[in-house]
Amino acid sequence: MIGDAYTFIGLESYTKLVVAFHVGKRDRINTEDFVSKIRQATAPGWFDVSTDAFQPYESAIDAGLYDRANHSQVVKLFSNRLDRVNESYSPARFVCVQKDAVSGNPDLDRATTSHVERKNGSLRHWCKRLCRLTYAFSRKWENLRAALALHFAYYNFCRVHGSLRVTPAMAANLSDHIWTIEELVLRGSDA
């Protein structure tokens, strides 16, 4: 694999179900491909989408989800790192969150990217291919996509979510039980 890869994740905030993911460069084309996957994974009807301030989201969501998504942008602001002395490697201090309506009529009180940020952290923890300075990187895009597909399938169908006490697939009424890994593999090979 040449260069960096970005994992786009579409997460439903109530059930914690990963409805779609996409691996590629963090650019306009891959953002549009990701939004297309979100469209295929969702039923007609209005829902809210919250993103960070990555500019390609605006045009991709406007073009791909124009008839079903209210889009809000959530930006977390941090203090300037230059005003701190004698701190070698520590994160900047959080200042505030700025929320803006981009299109439609999103509920800004409920707009958040916290759930998907938490999922990103868990993904890095569970999938060592995504850790920095590791030997477990993927040499091919196909291998990375396959590893992530397996991870998200396990997350959706086999792993009980701590706060839900069921799997995300059960919370979304896609399954009536916790899948075993054997069931996941067998159903995956049928696809």
Protein backbone atom coordinates (compact mmCIF):
# COMPACT_ATOMS: atom_id res chain seq x y z
CA MET A 1 0.00 0.00 0.00
CA ILE A 2 1.35 3.40 -0.88
CA GLY A 3 0.83 6.33 1.47
CA ASP A 4 -1.83 6.84 4.05
CA ALA A 5 -5.34 5.49 4.33
CA TYR A 6 -8.36 7.00 6.04
CA THR A 7 -11.30 5.05 7.43
CA PHE A 8 -14.65 6.80 7.03
CA ILE A 9 -17.23 5.43 9.50
CA GLY A 10 -20.99 5.93 9.41
CA LEU A 11 -22.30 5.23 12.93
CA GLU A 12 -25.93 5.36 14.02
CA SER A 13 -25.82 7.10 17.40
CA TYR A 14 -28.69 5.32 19.18
CA THR A 15 -27.88 1.71 18.32
CA LYS A 16 -24.12 2.27 17.77
CA LEU A 17 -24.48 0.28 14.52
CA VAL A 18 -21.78 0.90 11.92
CA VAL A 19 -24.02 1.32 8.88
CA ALA A 20 -21.18 1.86 6.40
CA PHE A 21 -17.44 2.33 6.19
CA HIS A 22 -15.02 3.25 3.45
CA VAL A 23 -11.24 3.04 3.20
CA GLY A 24 -9.33 5.46 1.02
CA LYS A 25 -7.52 8.75 0.92
CA ARG A 26 -9.16 11.60 2.81
CA ASP A 27 -10.22 13.46 -0.31
CA ARG A 28 -13.32 14.50 -2.25
CA ILE A 29 -13.66 11.34 -4.34
CA ASN A 30 -13.47 8.95 -1.38
CA THR A 31 -15.82 11.17 0.63
CA GLU A 32 -18.37 10.93 -2.19
CA ASP A 33 -17.90 7.14 -2.33
CA PHE A 34 -18.49 6.94 1.43
CA VAL A 35 -21.64 9.07 1.26
CA SER A 36 -22.89 6.82 -1.55
CA LYS A 37 -22.48 3.83 0.80
CA ILE A 38 -24.42 5.69 3.49
CA ARG A 39 -27.22 6.27 0.98
CA GLN A 40 -27.32 2.56 0.08
CA ALA A 41 -27.35 1.57 3.77
CA THR A 42 -30.20 3.86 4.83
CA ALA A 43 -33.90 3.87 4.08
CA PRO A 44 -35.65 6.89 2.62
CA GLY A 45 -36.72 9.29 5.33
CA TRP A 46 -35.02 12.16 7.10
CA PHE A 47 -32.16 11.72 9.53
CA ASP A 48 -29.46 13.96 10.96
CA VAL A 49 -25.80 13.67 9.98
CA SER A 50 -23.04 15.28 12.02
CA THR A 51 -19.54 15.66 10.58
CA ASP A 52 -16.36 17.51 11.36
CA ALA A 53 -15.32 20.51 9.25
CA PHE A 54 -13.73 18.47 6.44
CA GLN A 55 -14.92 20.51 3.43
CA PRO A 56 -15.73 17.63 1.02
CA TYR A 57 -18.49 16.45 3.39
CA GLU A 58 -20.57 19.51 2.52
CA SER A 59 -20.80 18.87 -1.24
CA ALA A 60 -20.89 15.06 -0.92
CA ILE A 61 -23.78 15.07 1.56
CA ASP A 62 -25.58 17.80 -0.36
CA ALA A 63 -25.34 15.75 -3.59
CA GLY A 64 -25.70 12.23 -2.18
CA LEU A 65 -28.19 12.67 0.66
CA TYR A 66 -30.03 15.80 -0.47
CA ASP A 67 -33.44 14.18 -0.05
CA ARG A 68 -32.95 12.57 3.36
CA ALA A 69 -30.22 14.17 5.52
CA ASN A 70 -30.06 17.23 7.72
CA HIS A 71 -26.35 18.04 7.94
CA SER A 72 -24.65 19.70 10.90
CA GLN A 73 -20.99 20.45 11.37
CA VAL A 74 -19.35 19.99 14.77
CA VAL A 75 -15.97 21.64 15.35
CA LYS A 76 -14.02 21.28 18.57
CA LEU A 77 -11.80 24.23 19.35
CA PHE A 78 -8.59 23.86 21.36
CA SER A 79 -6.18 26.34 22.89
CA ASN A 80 -3.05 27.39 21.08
CA ARG A 81 -0.23 25.01 22.01
CA LEU A 82 2.27 27.88 21.97
CA ASP A 83 0.90 29.39 25.18
CA ARG A 84 2.07 26.39 27.22
CA VAL A 85 5.60 26.01 28.42
CA ASN A 86 7.56 22.97 29.65
CA GLU A 87 5.02 20.43 28.39
CA SER A 88 6.71 18.21 25.84
CA TYR A 89 3.93 15.95 24.56
CA SER A 90 0.47 16.70 25.78
CA PRO A 91 -2.74 17.54 23.99
CA ALA A 92 -3.96 21.10 23.67
CA ARG A 93 -6.57 22.24 26.18
CA PHE A 94 -10.18 21.90 25.01
CA VAL A 95 -11.94 25.28 24.76
CA CYS A 96 -15.43 24.77 23.25
CA VAL A 97 -17.59 23.09 20.61
CA GLN A 98 -18.99 25.05 17.69
CA LYS A 99 -22.05 23.59 15.92
CA ASP A 100 -23.45 24.88 12.65
CA ALA A 101 -26.29 23.81 10.37
CA VAL A 102 -24.92 23.07 6.89
CA SER A 103 -28.08 21.87 5.13
CA GLY A 104 -31.63 20.97 6.03
CA ASN A 105 -32.86 21.49 9.57
CA PRO A 106 -30.56 19.53 11.91
CA ASP A 107 -31.18 19.41 15.65
CA LEU A 108 -28.03 21.22 16.82
CA ASP A 109 -28.70 20.24 20.45
CA ARG A 110 -28.21 16.59 19.45
CA ALA A 111 -25.43 17.17 16.89
CA THR A 112 -22.28 15.36 17.98
CA THR A 113 -19.28 13.52 16.62
CA SER A 114 -18.38 12.02 20.02
CA HIS A 115 -19.79 8.55 19.28
CA VAL A 116 -17.82 8.11 16.07
CA GLU A 117 -14.69 9.56 17.73
CA ARG A 118 -15.04 6.93 20.46
CA LYS A 119 -15.48 4.26 17.77
CA ASN A 120 -12.31 5.51 16.06
CA GLY A 121 -10.43 5.14 19.34
CA SER A 122 -11.77 1.62 19.86
CA LEU A 123 -10.95 0.73 16.27
CA ARG A 124 -7.33 1.79 16.72
CA HIS A 125 -7.15 -0.18 19.95
CA TRP A 126 -8.64 -3.39 18.51
CA CYS A 127 -7.17 -3.27 15.00
CA LYS A 128 -3.42 -2.98 15.38
CA ARG A 129 -3.05 -2.29 11.65
CA LEU A 130 -4.18 1.25 12.48
CA CYS A 131 -1.71 1.92 15.31
CA ARG A 132 1.21 4.18 14.65
CA LEU A 133 4.71 2.72 14.50
CA THR A 134 3.57 -0.89 14.23
CA TYR A 135 4.68 -3.96 12.31
CA ALA A 136 1.05 -4.93 11.75
CA PHE A 137 0.38 -2.54 8.85
CA SER A 138 -1.34 -3.69 5.65
CA ARG A 139 0.72 -3.80 2.48
CA LYS A 140 -2.37 -3.94 0.27
CA TRP A 141 -5.63 -1.96 0.30
CA GLU A 142 -7.60 -5.23 -0.07
CA ASN A 143 -6.07 -6.65 3.12
CA LEU A 144 -6.90 -3.52 5.09
CA ARG A 145 -10.48 -3.45 3.76
CA ALA A 146 -10.93 -7.15 4.61
CA ALA A 147 -9.58 -6.67 8.14
CA LEU A 148 -11.88 -3.69 8.70
CA ALA A 149 -14.91 -5.51 7.25
CA LEU A 150 -14.30 -8.39 9.66
CA HIS A 151 -13.86 -5.96 12.55
CA PHE A 152 -17.08 -4.06 11.82
CA ALA A 153 -19.08 -7.28 11.29
CA TYR A 154 -17.82 -8.59 14.64
CA TYR A 155 -18.57 -5.23 16.29
CA ASN A 156 -22.12 -5.08 14.87
CA PHE A 157 -23.18 -8.71 15.41
CA CYS A 158 -20.95 -10.45 17.98
CA ARG A 159 -19.81 -7.89 20.55
CA VAL A 160 -22.21 -6.77 23.27
CA HIS A 161 -22.02 -3.00 23.60
CA GLY A 162 -21.35 -1.90 27.18
CA SER A 163 -24.09 0.70 27.51
CA LEU A 164 -26.66 -1.08 25.30
CA ARG A 165 -26.23 -4.54 26.89
CA VAL A 166 -26.94 -6.04 23.43
CA THR A 167 -25.09 -5.97 20.12
CA PRO A 168 -25.64 -2.97 17.83
CA ALA A 169 -27.37 -5.30 15.33
CA MET A 170 -29.81 -6.41 18.04
CA ALA A 171 -30.44 -2.78 19.05
CA ALA A 172 -31.20 -2.01 15.38
CA ASN A 173 -33.52 -5.07 15.10
CA LEU A 174 -31.25 -6.70 12.51
CA SER A 175 -30.66 -9.74 14.72
CA ASP A 176 -32.47 -11.42 17.59
CA HIS A 177 -29.37 -12.91 19.22
CA ILE A 178 -25.64 -12.45 19.76
CA TRP A 179 -23.80 -14.10 16.92
CA THR A 180 -20.93 -16.49 17.58
CA ILE A 181 -17.75 -16.07 15.58
CA GLU A 182 -18.56 -19.35 13.84
CA GLU A 183 -21.93 -17.95 12.75
CA LEU A 184 -20.26 -14.74 11.56
CA VAL A 185 -17.77 -16.69 9.46
CA LEU A 186 -20.40 -19.05 8.03
CA ARG A 187 -22.82 -16.24 7.14
CA GLY A 188 -19.96 -14.19 5.72
CA SER A 189 -18.90 -17.04 3.44
CA ASP A 190 -22.50 -17.24 2.11
CA ALA A 191 -22.39 -13.62 0.96
